[in-house]
PDB file of N, CA and C in Angstrom:
ATOM      1  N   UNK A   1      93.034 -40.177  45.018  1.00  0.00           N
ATOM      2  CA  UNK A   1      92.534 -40.702  43.761  1.00  0.00           C
ATOM      3  C   UNK A   1      92.001 -42.110  43.988  1.00  0.00           C
ATOM      4  N   UNK A   2      91.078 -42.549  43.128  1.00  0.00           N
ATOM      5  CA  UNK A   2      90.459 -43.857  43.325  1.00  0.00           C
ATOM      6  C   UNK A   2      91.311 -44.973  42.740  1.00  0.00           C
ATOM      7  N   UNK A   3      90.931 -46.213  43.076  1.00  0.00           N
ATOM      8  CA  UNK A   3      91.707 -47.376  42.659  1.00  0.00           C
ATOM      9  C   UNK A   3      91.489 -47.750  41.197  1.00  0.00           C
ATOM     10  N   UNK A   4      90.425 -47.261  40.544  1.00  0.00           N
ATOM     11  CA  UNK A   4      90.145 -47.685  39.186  1.00  0.00           C
ATOM     12  C   UNK A   4      90.856 -46.850  38.132  1.00  0.00           C
ATOM     13  N   UNK A   5      91.925 -46.188  38.493  1.00  0.00           N
ATOM     14  CA  UNK A   5      92.666 -45.368  37.548  1.00  0.00           C
ATOM     15  C   UNK A   5      93.896 -46.113  37.047  1.00  0.00           C
ATOM     16  N   UNK A   6      94.148 -45.956  35.757  1.00  0.00           N
ATOM     17  CA  UNK A   6      95.332 -46.544  35.164  1.00  0.00           C
ATOM     18  C   UNK A   6      96.484 -45.571  35.327  1.00  0.00           C
ATOM     19  N   UNK A   7      97.687 -46.048  35.053  1.00  0.00           N
ATOM     20  CA  UNK A   7      98.827 -45.147  35.115  1.00  0.00           C
ATOM     21  C   UNK A   7      98.826 -44.311  33.846  1.00  0.00           C
ATOM     22  N   UNK A   8      98.348 -43.096  33.969  1.00  0.00           N
ATOM     23  CA  UNK A   8      98.198 -42.225  32.823  1.00  0.00           C
ATOM     24  C   UNK A   8      98.292 -40.796  33.343  1.00  0.00           C
ATOM     25  N   UNK A   9      99.174 -39.969  32.794  1.00  0.00           N
ATOM     26  CA  UNK A   9      99.347 -38.622  33.324  1.00  0.00           C
ATOM     27  C   UNK A   9      98.074 -37.775  33.224  1.00  0.00           C
ATOM     28  N   UNK A  10      97.194 -38.054  32.267  1.00  0.00           N
ATOM     29  CA  UNK A  10      95.974 -37.264  32.120  1.00  0.00           C
ATOM     30  C   UNK A  10      95.028 -37.467  33.303  1.00  0.00           C
ATOM     31  N   UNK A  11      95.159 -38.563  34.027  1.00  0.00           N
ATOM     32  CA  UNK A  11      94.297 -38.867  35.170  1.00  0.00           C
ATOM     33  C   UNK A  11      94.528 -37.885  36.310  1.00  0.00           C
ATOM     34  N   UNK A  12      95.640 -37.213  36.325  1.00  0.00           N
ATOM     35  CA  UNK A  12      95.943 -36.266  37.388  1.00  0.00           C
ATOM     36  C   UNK A  12      94.945 -35.114  37.428  1.00  0.00           C
ATOM     37  N   UNK A  13      94.163 -34.920  36.355  1.00  0.00           N
ATOM     38  CA  UNK A  13      93.163 -33.851  36.324  1.00  0.00           C
ATOM     39  C   UNK A  13      91.949 -34.160  37.185  1.00  0.00           C
ATOM     40  N   UNK A  14      91.797 -35.379  37.666  1.00  0.00           N
ATOM     41  CA  UNK A  14      90.621 -35.765  38.429  1.00  0.00           C
ATOM     42  C   UNK A  14      90.701 -35.182  39.830  1.00  0.00           C
ATOM     43  N   UNK A  15      89.701 -34.396  40.177  1.00  0.00           N
ATOM     44  CA  UNK A  15      89.630 -33.809  41.505  1.00  0.00           C
ATOM     45  C   UNK A  15      88.246 -34.087  42.067  1.00  0.00           C
ATOM     46  N   UNK A  16      88.126 -34.232  43.375  1.00  0.00           N
ATOM     47  CA  UNK A  16      86.817 -34.462  43.975  1.00  0.00           C
ATOM     48  C   UNK A  16      85.865 -33.340  43.573  1.00  0.00           C
ATOM     49  N   UNK A  17      84.610 -33.603  43.344  1.00  0.00           N
ATOM     50  CA  UNK A  17      83.898 -34.851  43.545  1.00  0.00           C
ATOM     51  C   UNK A  17      83.931 -35.769  42.337  1.00  0.00           C
ATOM     52  N   UNK A  18      84.706 -35.447  41.308  1.00  0.00           N
ATOM     53  CA  UNK A  18      84.734 -36.267  40.108  1.00  0.00           C
ATOM     54  C   UNK A  18      85.379 -37.623  40.352  1.00  0.00           C
ATOM     55  N   UNK A  19      84.906 -38.613  39.605  1.00  0.00           N
ATOM     56  CA  UNK A  19      85.408 -39.977  39.685  1.00  0.00           C
ATOM     57  C   UNK A  19      85.728 -40.399  38.257  1.00  0.00           C
ATOM     58  N   UNK A  20      86.871 -41.037  38.037  1.00  0.00           N
ATOM     59  CA  UNK A  20      87.186 -41.490  36.689  1.00  0.00           C
ATOM     60  C   UNK A  20      86.134 -42.495  36.254  1.00  0.00           C
ATOM     61  N   UNK A  21      85.549 -42.274  35.089  1.00  0.00           N
ATOM     62  CA  UNK A  21      84.509 -43.151  34.581  1.00  0.00           C
ATOM     63  C   UNK A  21      85.094 -44.533  34.330  1.00  0.00           C
ATOM     64  N   UNK A  22      84.384 -45.570  34.709  1.00  0.00           N
ATOM     65  CA  UNK A  22      84.840 -46.941  34.511  1.00  0.00           C
ATOM     66  C   UNK A  22      85.015 -47.205  33.023  1.00  0.00           C
ATOM     67  N   UNK A  23      86.152 -47.749  32.659  1.00  0.00           N
ATOM     68  CA  UNK A  23      86.477 -48.030  31.262  1.00  0.00           C
ATOM     69  C   UNK A  23      85.835 -49.343  30.850  1.00  0.00           C
ATOM     70  N   UNK A  24      85.119 -49.362  29.712  1.00  0.00           N
ATOM     71  CA  UNK A  24      84.538 -50.620  29.237  1.00  0.00           C
ATOM     72  C   UNK A  24      85.619 -51.642  28.900  1.00  0.00           C
ATOM     73  N   UNK A  25      85.281 -52.917  29.058  1.00  0.00           N
ATOM     74  CA  UNK A  25      86.210 -53.994  28.710  1.00  0.00           C
ATOM     75  C   UNK A  25      86.537 -53.907  27.216  1.00  0.00           C
ATOM     76  N   UNK A  26      87.708 -54.345  26.852  1.00  0.00           N
ATOM     77  CA  UNK A  26      88.168 -54.384  25.466  1.00  0.00           C
ATOM     78  C   UNK A  26      88.339 -53.003  24.838  1.00  0.00           C
ATOM     79  N   UNK A  27      88.374 -51.975  25.643  1.00  0.00           N
ATOM     80  CA  UNK A  27      88.549 -50.627  25.114  1.00  0.00           C
ATOM     81  C   UNK A  27      90.026 -50.265  25.169  1.00  0.00           C
ATOM     82  N   UNK A  28      90.662 -50.291  24.014  1.00  0.00           N
ATOM     83  CA  UNK A  28      92.094 -49.972  23.929  1.00  0.00           C
ATOM     84  C   UNK A  28      92.254 -48.818  22.945  1.00  0.00           C
ATOM     85  N   UNK A  29      92.068 -47.618  23.442  1.00  0.00           N
ATOM     86  CA  UNK A  29      92.176 -46.454  22.562  1.00  0.00           C
ATOM     87  C   UNK A  29      93.156 -45.453  23.146  1.00  0.00           C
ATOM     88  N   UNK A  30      93.663 -44.620  22.277  1.00  0.00           N
ATOM     89  CA  UNK A  30      94.510 -43.525  22.717  1.00  0.00           C
ATOM     90  C   UNK A  30      93.580 -42.386  23.126  1.00  0.00           C
ATOM     91  N   UNK A  31      93.480 -42.152  24.388  1.00  0.00           N
ATOM     92  CA  UNK A  31      92.560 -41.151  24.903  1.00  0.00           C
ATOM     93  C   UNK A  31      93.199 -39.773  24.908  1.00  0.00           C
ATOM     94  N   UNK A  32      92.540 -38.814  24.245  1.00  0.00           N
ATOM     95  CA  UNK A  32      93.011 -37.440  24.302  1.00  0.00           C
ATOM     96  C   UNK A  32      92.252 -36.672  25.365  1.00  0.00           C
ATOM     97  N   UNK A  33      91.037 -37.099  25.661  1.00  0.00           N
ATOM     98  CA  UNK A  33      90.187 -36.453  26.646  1.00  0.00           C
ATOM     99  C   UNK A  33      90.080 -37.334  27.876  1.00  0.00           C
ATOM    100  N   UNK A  34      90.126 -36.717  29.041  1.00  0.00           N
ATOM    101  CA  UNK A  34      89.890 -37.418  30.294  1.00  0.00           C
ATOM    102  C   UNK A  34      88.380 -37.460  30.498  1.00  0.00           C
ATOM    103  N   UNK A  35      87.826 -38.636  30.716  1.00  0.00           N
ATOM    104  CA  UNK A  35      86.385 -38.779  30.909  1.00  0.00           C
ATOM    105  C   UNK A  35      86.131 -39.132  32.365  1.00  0.00           C
ATOM    106  N   UNK A  36      85.366 -38.274  33.056  1.00  0.00           N
ATOM    107  CA  UNK A  36      85.073 -38.480  34.469  1.00  0.00           C
ATOM    108  C   UNK A  36      83.571 -38.442  34.694  1.00  0.00           C
ATOM    109  N   UNK A  37      83.144 -39.096  35.756  1.00  0.00           N
ATOM    110  CA  UNK A  37      81.754 -39.040  36.184  1.00  0.00           C
ATOM    111  C   UNK A  37      81.625 -37.906  37.194  1.00  0.00           C
ATOM    112  N   UNK A  38      80.486 -37.257  37.219  1.00  0.00           N
ATOM    113  CA  UNK A  38      80.264 -36.156  38.154  1.00  0.00           C
ATOM    114  C   UNK A  38      80.367 -36.636  39.601  1.00  0.00           C
ATOM    115  N   UNK A  39      79.929 -37.869  39.854  1.00  0.00           N
ATOM    116  CA  UNK A  39      80.008 -38.442  41.198  1.00  0.00           C
ATOM    117  C   UNK A  39      79.897 -39.971  41.104  1.00  0.00           C
ATOM    118  N   UNK A  40      79.937 -40.633  42.234  1.00  0.00           N
ATOM    119  CA  UNK A  40      79.907 -42.101  42.240  1.00  0.00           C
ATOM    120  C   UNK A  40      78.580 -42.656  41.731  1.00  0.00           C
ATOM    121  N   UNK A  41      77.491 -41.952  42.001  1.00  0.00           N
ATOM    122  CA  UNK A  41      76.185 -42.417  41.530  1.00  0.00           C
ATOM    123  C   UNK A  41      76.157 -42.475  40.006  1.00  0.00           C
ATOM    124  N   UNK A  42      76.694 -41.445  39.347  1.00  0.00           N
ATOM    125  CA  UNK A  42      76.738 -41.420  37.886  1.00  0.00           C
ATOM    126  C   UNK A  42      77.611 -42.560  37.379  1.00  0.00           C
ATOM    127  N   UNK A  43      78.741 -42.822  38.030  1.00  0.00           N
ATOM    128  CA  UNK A  43      79.605 -43.922  37.615  1.00  0.00           C
ATOM    129  C   UNK A  43      78.887 -45.263  37.795  1.00  0.00           C
ATOM    130  N   UNK A  44      78.133 -45.411  38.871  1.00  0.00           N
ATOM    131  CA  UNK A  44      77.363 -46.644  39.102  1.00  0.00           C
ATOM    132  C   UNK A  44      76.314 -46.828  38.007  1.00  0.00           C
ATOM    133  N   UNK A  45      75.633 -45.744  37.624  1.00  0.00           N
ATOM    134  CA  UNK A  45      74.639 -45.811  36.548  1.00  0.00           C
ATOM    135  C   UNK A  45      75.309 -46.142  35.212  1.00  0.00           C
ATOM    136  N   UNK A  46      76.507 -45.603  34.983  1.00  0.00           N
ATOM    137  CA  UNK A  46      77.287 -45.911  33.769  1.00  0.00           C
ATOM    138  C   UNK A  46      77.635 -47.401  33.743  1.00  0.00           C
ATOM    139  N   UNK A  47      78.063 -47.941  34.878  1.00  0.00           N
ATOM    140  CA  UNK A  47      78.400 -49.367  34.945  1.00  0.00           C
ATOM    141  C   UNK A  47      77.177 -50.241  34.655  1.00  0.00           C
ATOM    142  N   UNK A  48      76.008 -49.839  35.136  1.00  0.00           N
ATOM    143  CA  UNK A  48      74.777 -50.571  34.844  1.00  0.00           C
ATOM    144  C   UNK A  48      74.467 -50.514  33.347  1.00  0.00           C
ATOM    145  N   UNK A  49      74.713 -49.366  32.736  1.00  0.00           N
ATOM    146  CA  UNK A  49      74.512 -49.210  31.302  1.00  0.00           C
ATOM    147  C   UNK A  49      75.486 -50.107  30.527  1.00  0.00           C
ATOM    148  N   UNK A  50      76.718 -50.216  31.013  1.00  0.00           N
ATOM    149  CA  UNK A  50      77.705 -51.099  30.374  1.00  0.00           C
ATOM    150  C   UNK A  50      77.256 -52.555  30.438  1.00  0.00           C
ATOM    151  N   UNK A  51      76.610 -52.943  31.538  1.00  0.00           N
ATOM    152  CA  UNK A  51      76.126 -54.318  31.676  1.00  0.00           C
ATOM    153  C   UNK A  51      75.007 -54.596  30.670  1.00  0.00           C
ATOM    154  N   UNK A  52      74.133 -53.623  30.458  1.00  0.00           N
ATOM    155  CA  UNK A  52      72.994 -53.806  29.557  1.00  0.00           C
ATOM    156  C   UNK A  52      73.392 -53.748  28.089  1.00  0.00           C
ATOM    157  N   UNK A  53      74.309 -52.851  27.735  1.00  0.00           N
ATOM    158  CA  UNK A  53      74.660 -52.613  26.326  1.00  0.00           C
ATOM    159  C   UNK A  53      76.171 -52.427  26.181  1.00  0.00           C
ATOM    160  N   UNK A  54      76.955 -53.496  26.303  1.00  0.00           N
ATOM    161  CA  UNK A  54      78.423 -53.358  26.290  1.00  0.00           C
ATOM    162  C   UNK A  54      78.999 -52.753  25.011  1.00  0.00           C
ATOM    163  N   UNK A  55      78.512 -53.150  23.851  1.00  0.00           N
ATOM    164  CA  UNK A  55      79.060 -52.627  22.597  1.00  0.00           C
ATOM    165  C   UNK A  55      78.769 -51.138  22.442  1.00  0.00           C
ATOM    166  N   UNK A  56      77.542 -50.750  22.723  1.00  0.00           N
ATOM    167  CA  UNK A  56      77.154 -49.351  22.564  1.00  0.00           C
ATOM    168  C   UNK A  56      77.898 -48.451  23.552  1.00  0.00           C
ATOM    169  N   UNK A  57      78.058 -48.909  24.797  1.00  0.00           N
ATOM    170  CA  UNK A  57      78.762 -48.068  25.771  1.00  0.00           C
ATOM    171  C   UNK A  57      80.250 -47.987  25.439  1.00  0.00           C
ATOM    172  N   UNK A  58      80.806 -49.040  24.878  1.00  0.00           N
ATOM    173  CA  UNK A  58      82.213 -48.989  24.470  1.00  0.00           C
ATOM    174  C   UNK A  58      82.399 -47.943  23.371  1.00  0.00           C
ATOM    175  N   UNK A  59      81.487 -47.936  22.395  1.00  0.00           N
ATOM    176  CA  UNK A  59      81.565 -46.936  21.320  1.00  0.00           C
ATOM    177  C   UNK A  59      81.374 -45.526  21.893  1.00  0.00           C
ATOM    178  N   UNK A  60      80.434 -45.367  22.824  1.00  0.00           N
ATOM    179  CA  UNK A  60      80.205 -44.073  23.466  1.00  0.00           C
ATOM    180  C   UNK A  60      81.467 -43.614  24.188  1.00  0.00           C
ATOM    181  N   UNK A  61      82.064 -44.500  24.982  1.00  0.00           N
ATOM    182  CA  UNK A  61      83.269 -44.150  25.730  1.00  0.00           C
ATOM    183  C   UNK A  61      84.395 -43.730  24.782  1.00  0.00           C
ATOM    184  N   UNK A  62      84.565 -44.480  23.700  1.00  0.00           N
ATOM    185  CA  UNK A  62      85.621 -44.157  22.736  1.00  0.00           C
ATOM    186  C   UNK A  62      85.371 -42.796  22.097  1.00  0.00           C
ATOM    187  N   UNK A  63      84.118 -42.504  21.772  1.00  0.00           N
ATOM    188  CA  UNK A  63      83.796 -41.199  21.187  1.00  0.00           C
ATOM    189  C   UNK A  63      84.051 -40.075  22.188  1.00  0.00           C
ATOM    190  N   UNK A  64      83.702 -40.296  23.458  1.00  0.00           N
ATOM    191  CA  UNK A  64      83.937 -39.269  24.479  1.00  0.00           C
ATOM    192  C   UNK A  64      85.429 -39.041  24.701  1.00  0.00           C
ATOM    193  N   UNK A  65      86.231 -40.083  24.577  1.00  0.00           N
ATOM    194  CA  UNK A  65      87.688 -39.967  24.773  1.00  0.00           C
ATOM    195  C   UNK A  65      88.395 -39.305  23.600  1.00  0.00           C
ATOM    196  N   UNK A  66      87.828 -39.405  22.419  1.00  0.00           N
ATOM    197  CA  UNK A  66      88.531 -38.915  21.239  1.00  0.00           C
ATOM    198  C   UNK A  66      87.919 -37.665  20.623  1.00  0.00           C
ATOM    199  N   UNK A  67      86.592 -37.581  20.556  1.00  0.00           N
ATOM    200  CA  UNK A  67      85.949 -36.440  19.895  1.00  0.00           C
ATOM    201  C   UNK A  67      84.565 -36.164  20.488  1.00  0.00           C
ATOM    202  N   UNK A  68      84.505 -35.684  21.721  1.00  0.00           N
ATOM    203  CA  UNK A  68      83.205 -35.497  22.368  1.00  0.00           C
ATOM    204  C   UNK A  68      82.355 -34.364  21.790  1.00  0.00           C
ATOM    205  N   UNK A  69      82.966 -33.477  21.017  1.00  0.00           N
ATOM    206  CA  UNK A  69      82.202 -32.357  20.468  1.00  0.00           C
ATOM    207  C   UNK A  69      81.958 -32.513  18.967  1.00  0.00           C
ATOM    208  N   UNK A  70      82.089 -33.728  18.465  1.00  0.00           N
ATOM    209  CA  UNK A  70      81.795 -33.997  17.067  1.00  0.00           C
ATOM    210  C   UNK A  70      80.344 -34.448  16.962  1.00  0.00           C
ATOM    211  N   UNK A  71      79.558 -33.682  16.210  1.00  0.00           N
ATOM    212  CA  UNK A  71      78.143 -34.017  16.049  1.00  0.00           C
ATOM    213  C   UNK A  71      77.981 -35.280  15.213  1.00  0.00           C
ATOM    214  N   UNK A  72      77.018 -36.100  15.616  1.00  0.00           N
ATOM    215  CA  UNK A  72      76.594 -37.256  14.841  1.00  0.00           C
ATOM    216  C   UNK A  72      75.075 -37.148  14.777  1.00  0.00           C
ATOM    217  N   UNK A  73      74.520 -36.756  13.637  1.00  0.00           N
ATOM    218  CA  UNK A  73      73.085 -36.492  13.546  1.00  0.00           C
ATOM    219  C   UNK A  73      72.235 -37.613  14.158  1.00  0.00           C
ATOM    220  N   UNK A  74      71.349 -37.212  15.069  1.00  0.00           N
ATOM    221  CA  UNK A  74      70.465 -38.167  15.725  1.00  0.00           C
ATOM    222  C   UNK A  74      71.098 -38.933  16.859  1.00  0.00           C
ATOM    223  N   UNK A  75      72.420 -38.822  17.034  1.00  0.00           N
ATOM    224  CA  UNK A  75      73.093 -39.581  18.084  1.00  0.00           C
ATOM    225  C   UNK A  75      73.855 -38.690  19.062  1.00  0.00           C
ATOM    226  N   UNK A  76      74.627 -37.753  18.580  1.00  0.00           N
ATOM    227  CA  UNK A  76      75.434 -36.874  19.442  1.00  0.00           C
ATOM    228  C   UNK A  76      75.189 -35.429  19.030  1.00  0.00           C
ATOM    229  N   UNK A  77      74.764 -34.608  20.009  1.00  0.00           N
ATOM    230  CA  UNK A  77      74.454 -33.221  19.685  1.00  0.00           C
ATOM    231  C   UNK A  77      74.457 -32.378  20.954  1.00  0.00           C
ATOM    232  N   UNK A  78      74.710 -31.060  20.805  1.00  0.00           N
ATOM    233  CA  UNK A  78      74.650 -30.167  21.972  1.00  0.00           C
ATOM    234  C   UNK A  78      73.190 -29.880  22.324  1.00  0.00           C
ATOM    235  N   UNK A  79      72.931 -29.672  23.609  1.00  0.00           N
ATOM    236  CA  UNK A  79      71.582 -29.319  24.052  1.00  0.00           C
ATOM    237  C   UNK A  79      71.369 -27.820  23.875  1.00  0.00           C
ATOM    238  N   UNK A  80      70.119 -27.432  23.691  1.00  0.00           N
ATOM    239  CA  UNK A  80      69.790 -26.021  23.470  1.00  0.00           C
ATOM    240  C   UNK A  80      69.147 -25.438  24.715  1.00  0.00           C
ATOM    241  N   UNK A  81      69.310 -24.146  24.894  1.00  0.00           N
ATOM    242  CA  UNK A  81      68.686 -23.441  25.999  1.00  0.00           C
ATOM    243  C   UNK A  81      69.685 -23.063  27.083  1.00  0.00           C
ATOM    244  N   UNK A  82      69.370 -21.988  27.808  1.00  0.00           N
ATOM    245  CA  UNK A  82      70.266 -21.489  28.853  1.00  0.00           C
ATOM    246  C   UNK A  82      70.612 -22.513  29.923  1.00  0.00           C
ATOM    247  N   UNK A  83      69.645 -23.299  30.421  1.00  0.00           N
ATOM    248  CA  UNK A  83      70.007 -24.232  31.496  1.00  0.00           C
ATOM    249  C   UNK A  83      71.000 -25.308  31.054  1.00  0.00           C
ATOM    250  N   UNK A  84      71.107 -25.525  29.745  1.00  0.00           N
ATOM    251  CA  UNK A  84      71.963 -26.595  29.217  1.00  0.00           C
ATOM    252  C   UNK A  84      73.234 -26.070  28.563  1.00  0.00           C
ATOM    253  N   UNK A  85      73.604 -24.851  28.855  1.00  0.00           N
ATOM    254  CA  UNK A  85      74.783 -24.244  28.220  1.00  0.00           C
ATOM    255  C   UNK A  85      76.011 -25.155  28.353  1.00  0.00           C
ATOM    256  N   UNK A  86      76.565 -25.540  27.202  1.00  0.00           N
ATOM    257  CA  UNK A  86      77.760 -26.368  27.181  1.00  0.00           C
ATOM    258  C   UNK A  86      77.500 -27.865  27.299  1.00  0.00           C
ATOM    259  N   UNK A  87      76.246 -28.274  27.532  1.00  0.00           N
ATOM    260  CA  UNK A  87      75.931 -29.695  27.720  1.00  0.00           C
ATOM    261  C   UNK A  87      75.640 -30.378  26.389  1.00  0.00           C
ATOM    262  N   UNK A  88      75.989 -31.658  26.319  1.00  0.00           N
ATOM    263  CA  UNK A  88      75.772 -32.479  25.139  1.00  0.00           C
ATOM    264  C   UNK A  88      75.006 -33.734  25.524  1.00  0.00           C
ATOM    265  N   UNK A  89      74.325 -34.315  24.534  1.00  0.00           N
ATOM    266  CA  UNK A  89      73.603 -35.569  24.725  1.00  0.00           C
ATOM    267  C   UNK A  89      74.161 -36.613  23.773  1.00  0.00           C
ATOM    268  N   UNK A  90      74.335 -37.841  24.285  1.00  0.00           N
ATOM    269  CA  UNK A  90      74.793 -38.960  23.474  1.00  0.00           C
ATOM    270  C   UNK A  90      73.736 -40.050  23.563  1.00  0.00           C
ATOM    271  N   UNK A  91      73.171 -40.432  22.429  1.00  0.00           N
ATOM    272  CA  UNK A  91      72.185 -41.508  22.392  1.00  0.00           C
ATOM    273  C   UNK A  91      72.925 -42.839  22.324  1.00  0.00           C
ATOM    274  N   UNK A  92      72.965 -43.557  23.453  1.00  0.00           N
ATOM    275  CA  UNK A  92      73.667 -44.839  23.516  1.00  0.00           C
ATOM    276  C   UNK A  92      72.823 -45.913  22.838  1.00  0.00           C
ATOM    277  N   UNK A  93      71.544 -45.955  23.170  1.00  0.00           N
ATOM    278  CA  UNK A  93      70.565 -46.827  22.513  1.00  0.00           C
ATOM    279  C   UNK A  93      69.289 -46.014  22.353  1.00  0.00           C
ATOM    280  N   UNK A  94      68.267 -46.619  21.792  1.00  0.00           N
ATOM    281  CA  UNK A  94      67.000 -45.913  21.610  1.00  0.00           C
ATOM    282  C   UNK A  94      66.451 -45.399  22.936  1.00  0.00           C
ATOM    283  N   UNK A  95      66.652 -46.149  24.017  1.00  0.00           N
ATOM    284  CA  UNK A  95      66.099 -45.760  25.307  1.00  0.00           C
ATOM    285  C   UNK A  95      67.105 -45.301  26.341  1.00  0.00           C
ATOM    286  N   UNK A  96      68.401 -45.233  26.014  1.00  0.00           N
ATOM    287  CA  UNK A  96      69.435 -44.857  26.989  1.00  0.00           C
ATOM    288  C   UNK A  96      70.242 -43.665  26.492  1.00  0.00           C
ATOM    289  N   UNK A  97      70.583 -42.797  27.442  1.00  0.00           N
ATOM    290  CA  UNK A  97      71.324 -41.586  27.098  1.00  0.00           C
ATOM    291  C   UNK A  97      72.470 -41.341  28.067  1.00  0.00           C
ATOM    292  N   UNK A  98      73.452 -40.593  27.579  1.00  0.00           N
ATOM    293  CA  UNK A  98      74.535 -40.075  28.407  1.00  0.00           C
ATOM    294  C   UNK A  98      74.548 -38.570  28.158  1.00  0.00           C
ATOM    295  N   UNK A  99      74.516 -37.805  29.247  1.00  0.00           N
ATOM    296  CA  UNK A  99      74.595 -36.351  29.165  1.00  0.00           C
ATOM    297  C   UNK A  99      75.937 -35.936  29.766  1.00  0.00           C
ATOM    298  N   UNK A 100      76.616 -35.008  29.089  1.00  0.00           N
ATOM    299  CA  UNK A 100      77.956 -34.632  29.534  1.00  0.00           C
ATOM    300  C   UNK A 100      78.276 -33.192  29.159  1.00  0.00           C
ATOM    301  N   UNK A 101      79.323 -32.674  29.812  1.00  0.00           N
ATOM    302  CA  UNK A 101      79.817 -31.329  29.525  1.00  0.00           C
ATOM    303  C   UNK A 101      81.305 -31.439  29.200  1.00  0.00           C
ATOM    304  N   UNK A 102      81.696 -31.153  27.957  1.00  0.00           N
ATOM    305  CA  UNK A 102      83.117 -31.165  27.608  1.00  0.00           C
ATOM    306  C   UNK A 102      83.781 -29.834  27.973  1.00  0.00           C
ATOM    307  N   UNK A 103      85.011 -29.910  28.462  1.00  0.00           N
ATOM    308  CA  UNK A 103      85.799 -28.719  28.783  1.00  0.00           C
ATOM    309  C   UNK A 103      87.018 -28.748  27.859  1.00  0.00           C
ATOM    310  N   UNK A 104      86.973 -27.928  26.818  1.00  0.00           N
ATOM    311  CA  UNK A 104      88.033 -27.954  25.800  1.00  0.00           C
ATOM    312  C   UNK A 104      89.377 -27.462  26.315  1.00  0.00           C
ATOM    313  N   UNK A 105      89.378 -26.584  27.322  1.00  0.00           N
ATOM    314  CA  UNK A 105      90.646 -26.092  27.862  1.00  0.00           C
ATOM    315  C   UNK A 105      91.387 -27.185  28.621  1.00  0.00           C
ATOM    316  N   UNK A 106      90.660 -27.956  29.429  1.00  0.00           N
ATOM    317  CA  UNK A 106      91.277 -29.019  30.228  1.00  0.00           C
ATOM    318  C   UNK A 106      91.254 -30.371  29.537  1.00  0.00           C
ATOM    319  N   UNK A 107      90.620 -30.443  28.364  1.00  0.00           N
ATOM    320  CA  UNK A 107      90.421 -31.717  27.662  1.00  0.00           C
ATOM    321  C   UNK A 107      89.804 -32.745  28.612  1.00  0.00           C
ATOM    322  N   UNK A 108      88.713 -32.310  29.253  1.00  0.00           N
ATOM    323  CA  UNK A 108      88.032 -33.180  30.216  1.00  0.00           C
ATOM    324  C   UNK A 108      86.542 -33.205  29.879  1.00  0.00           C
ATOM    325  N   UNK A 109      85.944 -34.391  29.972  1.00  0.00           N
ATOM    326  CA  UNK A 109      84.515 -34.569  29.765  1.00  0.00           C
ATOM    327  C   UNK A 109      83.923 -35.000  31.099  1.00  0.00           C
ATOM    328  N   UNK A 110      82.923 -34.258  31.587  1.00  0.00           N
ATOM    329  CA  UNK A 110      82.249 -34.599  32.836  1.00  0.00           C
ATOM    330  C   UNK A 110      80.877 -35.172  32.487  1.00  0.00           C
ATOM    331  N   UNK A 111      80.709 -36.471  32.735  1.00  0.00           N
ATOM    332  CA  UNK A 111      79.424 -37.130  32.511  1.00  0.00           C
ATOM    333  C   UNK A 111      78.567 -36.865  33.742  1.00  0.00           C
ATOM    334  N   UNK A 112      77.399 -36.255  33.548  1.00  0.00           N
ATOM    335  CA  UNK A 112      76.545 -35.953  34.696  1.00  0.00           C
ATOM    336  C   UNK A 112      75.263 -36.769  34.724  1.00  0.00           C
ATOM    337  N   UNK A 113      75.017 -37.583  33.695  1.00  0.00           N
ATOM    338  CA  UNK A 113      73.873 -38.492  33.701  1.00  0.00           C
ATOM    339  C   UNK A 113      74.145 -39.637  32.745  1.00  0.00           C
ATOM    340  N   UNK A 114      73.817 -40.846  33.163  1.00  0.00           N
ATOM    341  CA  UNK A 114      73.911 -42.028  32.302  1.00  0.00           C
ATOM    342  C   UNK A 114      72.753 -42.942  32.682  1.00  0.00           C
ATOM    343  N   UNK A 115      71.940 -43.295  31.709  1.00  0.00           N
ATOM    344  CA  UNK A 115      70.827 -44.186  32.018  1.00  0.00           C
ATOM    345  C   UNK A 115      69.670 -44.038  31.058  1.00  0.00           C
ATOM    346  N   UNK A 116      68.496 -44.463  31.535  1.00  0.00           N
ATOM    347  CA  UNK A 116      67.281 -44.417  30.730  1.00  0.00           C
ATOM    348  C   UNK A 116      66.989 -42.983  30.289  1.00  0.00           C
ATOM    349  N   UNK A 117      66.443 -42.863  29.087  1.00  0.00           N
ATOM    350  CA  UNK A 117      66.102 -41.550  28.540  1.00  0.00           C
ATOM    351  C   UNK A 117      65.056 -40.894  29.444  1.00  0.00           C
ATOM    352  N   UNK A 118      65.420 -39.759  30.077  1.00  0.00           N
ATOM    353  CA  UNK A 118      64.464 -39.073  30.950  1.00  0.00           C
ATOM    354  C   UNK A 118      63.459 -38.267  30.127  1.00  0.00           C
ATOM    355  N   UNK A 119      62.294 -37.970  30.716  1.00  0.00           N
ATOM    356  CA  UNK A 119      61.300 -37.140  30.032  1.00  0.00           C
ATOM    357  C   UNK A 119      61.835 -35.741  29.775  1.00  0.00           C
ATOM    358  N   UNK A 120      62.511 -35.173  30.765  1.00  0.00           N
ATOM    359  CA  UNK A 120      63.161 -33.875  30.627  1.00  0.00           C
ATOM    360  C   UNK A 120      64.663 -34.076  30.721  1.00  0.00           C
ATOM    361  N   UNK A 121      65.409 -33.390  29.858  1.00  0.00           N
ATOM    362  CA  UNK A 121      66.869 -33.514  29.916  1.00  0.00           C
ATOM    363  C   UNK A 121      67.377 -32.986  31.250  1.00  0.00           C
ATOM    364  N   UNK A 122      68.243 -33.753  31.930  1.00  0.00           N
ATOM    365  CA  UNK A 122      68.799 -33.261  33.192  1.00  0.00           C
ATOM    366  C   UNK A 122      69.748 -32.092  32.951  1.00  0.00           C
ATOM    367  N   UNK A 123      69.825 -31.196  33.909  1.00  0.00           N
ATOM    368  CA  UNK A 123      70.740 -30.053  33.779  1.00  0.00           C
ATOM    369  C   UNK A 123      72.060 -30.390  34.447  1.00  0.00           C
ATOM    370  N   UNK A 124      73.149 -29.835  33.908  1.00  0.00           N
ATOM    371  CA  UNK A 124      74.464 -30.127  34.496  1.00  0.00           C
ATOM    372  C   UNK A 124      74.621 -29.569  35.892  1.00  0.00           C
TER     373      UNK A 124
END
């Protein structure tokens, strides 16, 4: 397991290649969902997003930890189409997005993209 994990029994669900997503500063929430990055590159992109928009990424992280499958019109919604089965999009800012796949059985959210809004939605 990596060094950026807190002492929390839910962290035991992290298995390679997943990396625990870096927690934004000042984020003190009771997490029901484990939020992980698909790989180190995604976590690095998430950290860059946190540097650019700290308040928005903190709200995004809190939403992913507590209710990742709750729709917020225009901000949080599931993607449509076969290639995106189970994937969701979170609008962090007008130009930045986080794409993720929630697993309700394991209470785990896998973030597979964080960054500038791409022309085509990335597939999980």
